[in-house]
Amino acid sequence: MNNQYKARKKIVAEQMEVNGWTAVDSVSFGCTSAVASKKYRTAVGFKQAIAYLNPADSSELRLAADYQSEGRNILSASALLIPGGIEDSSVHAGVNQFCNAVDAAVAESYAARLHNGGRSCP
């Protein structure tokens, strides 16, 4: 991992923490593309989403997440492309939108709706 990737990954992880996520441990942070995780209460207990930051091309990064529900990743269509050279404030705003989209998708999952009596999570 180059220094620019590590620096951007740190910014993403810090902003995800602002949104209620937990940054991965230092070994995972340094050796994998994992950035952060978040646990959600559901009818089947706590379930976890994990976010990853990967190169999309020579200058872009792609933030994506995995949350298994009903045998599939319900977040497979949720992603944030981070162009190279973008200002940190724009990264923060994008990460906030990404986290809100993940929360909304998880709230619509079957186990989350069951936990909330058939309603979407707040």
Protein backbone atom coordinates (compact mmCIF):
# COMPACT_ATOMS: atom_id res chain seq x y z
CA MET A 1 0.00 0.00 0.00
CA ASN A 2 1.37 3.39 -0.90
CA ASN A 3 1.37 6.34 1.47
CA GLN A 4 -1.34 8.21 -0.45
CA TYR A 5 -3.69 5.22 -0.18
CA LYS A 6 -2.95 4.84 3.54
CA ALA A 7 -3.59 8.54 4.17
CA ARG A 8 -6.90 8.47 2.29
CA LYS A 9 -7.90 5.24 4.05
CA LYS A 10 -7.25 6.90 7.42
CA ILE A 11 -9.49 9.84 6.48
CA VAL A 12 -12.26 7.46 5.39
CA ALA A 13 -11.97 5.39 8.59
CA GLU A 14 -12.09 8.48 10.79
CA GLN A 15 -15.20 9.77 9.04
CA MET A 16 -16.85 6.36 9.30
CA GLU A 17 -16.20 6.45 13.05
CA VAL A 18 -18.06 9.78 13.17
CA ASN A 19 -20.99 7.86 11.64
CA GLY A 20 -20.99 5.12 14.29
CA TRP A 21 -18.65 2.63 12.65
CA THR A 22 -15.63 1.05 14.36
CA ALA A 23 -12.28 1.23 12.58
CA VAL A 24 -10.67 -2.17 12.03
CA ASP A 25 -7.64 -3.13 14.12
CA SER A 26 -4.20 -1.90 13.05
CA VAL A 27 -3.15 -5.24 11.52
CA SER A 28 -6.29 -5.45 9.36
CA PHE A 29 -5.96 -1.77 8.50
CA GLY A 30 -2.38 -2.18 7.34
CA CYS A 31 -2.65 -5.57 5.63
CA THR A 32 -6.15 -5.67 4.10
CA SER A 33 -8.56 -3.34 2.34
CA ALA A 34 -10.95 -3.42 5.34
CA VAL A 35 -11.66 0.01 6.80
CA ALA A 36 -14.40 -0.26 9.42
CA SER A 37 -17.30 -2.34 10.66
CA LYS A 38 -20.68 -1.65 12.19
CA LYS A 39 -23.00 -3.95 14.12
CA TYR A 40 -26.75 -3.79 13.64
CA ARG A 41 -29.37 -5.29 15.97
CA THR A 42 -31.73 -7.65 14.13
CA ALA A 43 -34.28 -10.34 14.93
CA VAL A 44 -31.51 -12.96 14.69
CA GLY A 45 -29.08 -11.05 16.92
CA PHE A 46 -26.35 -8.64 15.97
CA LYS A 47 -25.18 -8.70 12.35
CA GLN A 48 -22.16 -6.88 11.02
CA ALA A 49 -21.39 -4.79 7.96
CA ILE A 50 -17.76 -4.44 6.90
CA ALA A 51 -16.51 -1.63 4.67
CA TYR A 52 -13.55 -1.94 2.28
CA LEU A 53 -11.52 0.63 0.36
CA ASN A 54 -9.99 -0.64 -2.88
CA PRO A 55 -8.32 0.95 -5.90
CA ALA A 56 -10.85 1.47 -8.69
CA ASP A 57 -8.29 2.59 -11.27
CA SER A 58 -4.97 4.42 -11.20
CA SER A 59 -6.36 7.42 -9.33
CA GLU A 60 -9.77 6.46 -7.92
CA LEU A 61 -10.66 4.51 -4.81
CA ARG A 62 -13.90 2.59 -4.27
CA LEU A 63 -15.54 2.36 -0.84
CA ALA A 64 -17.90 -0.60 -0.63
CA ALA A 65 -19.43 -2.72 2.11
CA ASP A 66 -20.64 -6.25 2.75
CA TYR A 67 -23.71 -7.18 4.82
CA GLN A 68 -25.14 -10.64 4.34
CA SER A 69 -28.92 -10.95 4.43
CA GLU A 70 -31.06 -13.68 2.92
CA GLY A 71 -27.98 -15.31 1.40
CA ARG A 72 -26.59 -12.28 -0.42
CA ASN A 73 -24.72 -9.03 0.09
CA ILE A 74 -27.52 -6.47 0.23
CA LEU A 75 -24.94 -3.68 -0.09
CA SER A 76 -23.49 -4.91 -3.38
CA ALA A 77 -24.94 -1.93 -5.25
CA SER A 78 -23.78 0.61 -2.65
CA ALA A 79 -20.41 2.18 -3.33
CA LEU A 80 -18.59 5.48 -3.22
CA LEU A 81 -16.01 6.37 -5.86
CA ILE A 82 -13.35 8.70 -4.49
CA PRO A 83 -11.44 10.48 -7.26
CA GLY A 84 -7.75 11.15 -6.80
CA GLY A 85 -6.97 14.71 -5.74
CA ILE A 86 -10.40 15.35 -4.23
CA GLU A 87 -10.53 17.63 -1.17
CA ASP A 88 -10.86 15.98 2.25
CA SER A 89 -14.13 17.85 2.88
CA SER A 90 -15.63 16.21 -0.21
CA VAL A 91 -14.44 12.81 1.02
CA HIS A 92 -16.12 13.48 4.38
CA ALA A 93 -19.40 14.40 2.68
CA GLY A 94 -19.26 11.34 0.43
CA VAL A 95 -18.52 9.01 3.34
CA ASN A 96 -21.45 10.50 5.27
CA GLN A 97 -23.77 9.81 2.33
CA PHE A 98 -22.37 6.29 1.96
CA CYS A 99 -22.94 5.54 5.66
CA ASN A 100 -26.51 6.86 5.46
CA ALA A 101 -27.18 4.69 2.40
CA VAL A 102 -25.80 1.62 4.18
CA ASP A 103 -27.95 2.30 7.26
CA ALA A 104 -31.03 2.67 5.05
CA ALA A 105 -30.32 -0.57 3.15
CA VAL A 106 -29.75 -2.52 6.36
CA ALA A 107 -32.94 -1.06 7.86
CA GLU A 108 -34.84 -2.57 4.93
CA SER A 109 -33.34 -6.04 5.44
CA TYR A 110 -35.71 -8.79 6.48
CA ALA A 111 -34.08 -9.45 9.88
CA ALA A 112 -33.95 -5.74 10.76
CA ARG A 113 -37.61 -5.24 9.84
CA LEU A 114 -38.60 -8.30 11.90
CA HIS A 115 -36.73 -6.86 14.87
CA ASN A 116 -38.71 -3.63 14.52
CA GLY A 117 -42.12 -5.24 14.20
CA GLY A 118 -42.19 -5.03 10.42
CA ARG A 119 -41.11 -1.40 10.28
CA SER A 120 -37.88 -0.09 8.87
CA CYS A 121 -35.27 0.81 11.47
CA PRO A 122 -35.12 4.51 12.34
